[in-house]
Protein backbone atom coordinates (compact mmCIF):
# COMPACT_ATOMS: atom_id res chain seq x y z
CA MET A 1 11.99 -9.41 -44.78
CA LYS A 2 15.70 -10.13 -44.92
CA ILE A 3 16.77 -12.47 -47.72
CA ASN A 4 20.41 -13.13 -48.62
CA VAL A 5 20.87 -12.07 -52.26
CA ASN A 6 22.79 -15.31 -52.86
CA ASP A 7 19.64 -17.35 -52.17
CA ALA A 8 18.43 -17.61 -55.76
CA GLN A 9 15.29 -19.60 -54.94
CA LYS A 10 13.97 -17.21 -52.28
CA ILE A 11 14.85 -14.12 -54.32
CA GLY A 12 13.15 -15.59 -57.39
CA SER A 13 9.97 -16.57 -55.56
CA THR A 14 9.79 -13.17 -53.80
CA LEU A 15 10.15 -11.32 -57.12
CA ASP A 16 7.53 -13.58 -58.71
CA ALA A 17 5.08 -12.86 -55.88
CA VAL A 18 5.63 -9.10 -56.07
CA ASN A 19 5.65 -8.74 -59.86
CA GLY A 20 2.80 -11.08 -60.72
CA ARG A 21 2.58 -11.13 -64.52
CA SER A 22 4.59 -7.92 -64.98
CA SER A 23 7.96 -8.46 -66.61
CA ALA A 24 8.89 -5.90 -69.27
CA PHE A 25 10.00 -3.12 -66.90
CA ALA A 26 10.25 -5.11 -63.68
CA ILE A 27 13.17 -6.68 -61.86
CA THR A 28 12.38 -10.35 -62.42
CA THR A 29 15.54 -12.38 -61.87
CA HIS A 30 18.02 -13.24 -59.17
CA GLU A 31 20.81 -12.17 -61.55
CA GLU A 32 19.41 -8.63 -61.76
CA VAL A 33 19.42 -8.37 -57.96
CA LEU A 34 23.04 -9.60 -57.85
CA LYS A 35 24.03 -6.95 -60.41
CA ILE A 36 22.51 -4.21 -58.25
CA ALA A 37 24.38 -5.49 -55.18
CA ASP A 38 27.61 -5.71 -57.19
CA GLU A 39 27.19 -2.16 -58.51
CA ALA A 40 26.64 -0.88 -54.97
CA GLU A 41 29.68 -2.76 -53.64
CA LYS A 42 31.89 -1.39 -56.43
CA LEU A 43 30.74 2.14 -55.65
CA LEU A 44 31.59 1.66 -51.96
CA GLU A 45 35.03 0.37 -52.96
CA GLN A 46 35.55 3.32 -55.29
CA LYS A 47 34.70 5.72 -52.45
CA GLU A 48 37.15 3.79 -50.22
CA ILE A 49 34.59 3.09 -47.52
CA PRO A 50 36.21 0.69 -45.01
CA ASN A 51 34.56 -2.75 -44.88
CA LEU A 52 33.54 -2.36 -41.24
CA MET A 53 31.69 0.87 -42.05
CA ARG A 54 29.76 -0.72 -44.93
CA VAL A 55 27.53 -2.75 -42.62
CA GLY A 56 24.04 -1.24 -42.61
CA ILE A 57 24.46 0.79 -45.79
CA SER A 58 21.46 0.36 -48.06
CA VAL A 59 20.73 0.89 -51.73
CA THR A 60 17.30 1.59 -53.18
CA PHE A 61 16.91 0.77 -56.86
CA ARG A 62 14.20 1.35 -59.45
CA PRO A 63 14.68 0.81 -63.20
CA SER A 64 14.09 3.62 -65.66
CA GLY A 65 10.77 3.99 -67.40
CA PRO A 66 10.03 3.21 -71.04
CA GLU A 67 12.10 5.21 -73.52
CA SER A 68 9.60 5.00 -76.34
CA ALA A 69 7.19 7.87 -76.88
CA SER A 70 4.53 5.30 -77.73
CA TYR A 71 4.05 4.67 -74.00
CA ARG A 72 1.65 7.29 -72.69
CA TYR A 73 0.71 5.71 -69.38
CA SER A 74 2.48 4.17 -66.44
CA VAL A 75 3.83 0.62 -66.48
CA ASN A 76 4.40 -1.81 -63.64
CA SER A 77 7.92 -2.06 -62.34
CA THR A 78 9.81 -3.12 -59.22
CA GLU A 79 11.54 -1.07 -56.54
CA LEU A 80 13.81 -2.82 -54.10
CA THR A 81 16.09 -2.04 -51.20
CA LEU A 82 19.21 -4.01 -50.40
CA GLN A 83 21.17 -3.70 -47.16
CA ARG A 84 24.84 -4.54 -46.66
CA GLY A 85 25.62 -7.06 -43.96
CA VAL A 86 28.86 -8.37 -42.48
CA GLY A 87 31.48 -9.87 -44.80
CA GLY A 88 30.23 -8.33 -48.03
CA THR A 89 26.83 -10.01 -47.95
CA TRP A 90 23.85 -8.06 -49.24
CA PHE A 91 20.27 -8.72 -48.17
CA LEU A 92 16.97 -7.94 -49.87
CA VAL A 93 15.05 -6.05 -47.18
CA CYS A 94 12.21 -4.50 -49.18
CA VAL A 95 10.64 -5.10 -52.58
CA GLN A 96 7.44 -3.69 -54.00
CA GLN A 97 5.61 -3.26 -57.26
CA ILE A 98 5.44 0.36 -58.36
CA LYS A 99 4.25 2.39 -61.33
CA ILE A 100 6.84 4.15 -63.50
CA PHE A 101 6.24 6.55 -66.34
CA PRO A 102 7.84 7.04 -69.76
CA LYS A 103 11.25 8.74 -69.65
CA GLN A 104 11.39 8.42 -65.84
CA VAL A 105 15.02 8.05 -64.77
CA ARG A 106 16.50 5.11 -62.96
CA ILE A 107 16.96 5.46 -59.20
CA PHE A 108 20.09 4.12 -57.53
CA ASN A 109 20.26 5.76 -54.10
CA ILE A 110 22.77 4.69 -51.48
CA SER A 111 21.89 5.56 -47.89
CA ILE A 112 24.75 5.99 -45.42
CA SER A 113 25.18 6.92 -41.77
CA ARG A 114 26.60 10.25 -40.55
CA GLU A 115 29.78 8.40 -39.57
CA VAL A 116 30.27 7.14 -43.12
CA GLU A 117 29.47 10.62 -44.45
CA ARG A 118 32.24 12.09 -42.27
CA LYS A 119 34.68 9.42 -43.49
CA ILE A 120 33.90 10.23 -47.15
CA ILE A 121 34.37 13.97 -46.55
CA GLU A 122 37.60 13.33 -44.64
CA LYS A 123 39.02 11.28 -47.52
CA ALA A 124 37.88 13.82 -50.11
CA LEU A 125 39.59 16.69 -48.27
CA LYS A 126 42.70 14.72 -47.30
CA SER A 127 45.00 16.41 -49.82
CA PHE A 128 43.71 19.93 -49.16
CA VAL A 129 44.52 22.48 -46.51
CA VAL A 130 41.43 24.30 -45.25
CA VAL A 131 42.14 27.95 -44.52
CA GLY A 132 39.75 29.85 -42.25
CA GLU A 133 38.93 33.53 -42.44
CA GLU A 134 40.14 35.71 -39.58
CA ILE A 135 38.28 38.83 -38.54
């Protein structure tokens, strides 16, 4: 699966197929998917990841569980993975119905390559001088 997040009709029908009748704790709209992509893009900008290095980065998202103590059992929710393409475009590459439990925290995990990891570390240490120990 690889659906452009700007394709509202395909995103909507895919979410409908995955979620079935579940809606309270599920990702159900195209707008929610766009918000997740926007949040990921803003984080990449904040970390000053160059645009060319953003291609292939993915984000896995799952909403938090019910906050109310009245929920004792799991509820149906949605977990999805978006992947960054060329030119700032995000694609829905995986979506599935999952069970979440009360008080379970939201997941927003960004997966990066080793090259991007090195770039982040390089930028973070840019203003520091690393001193080694001599024996």
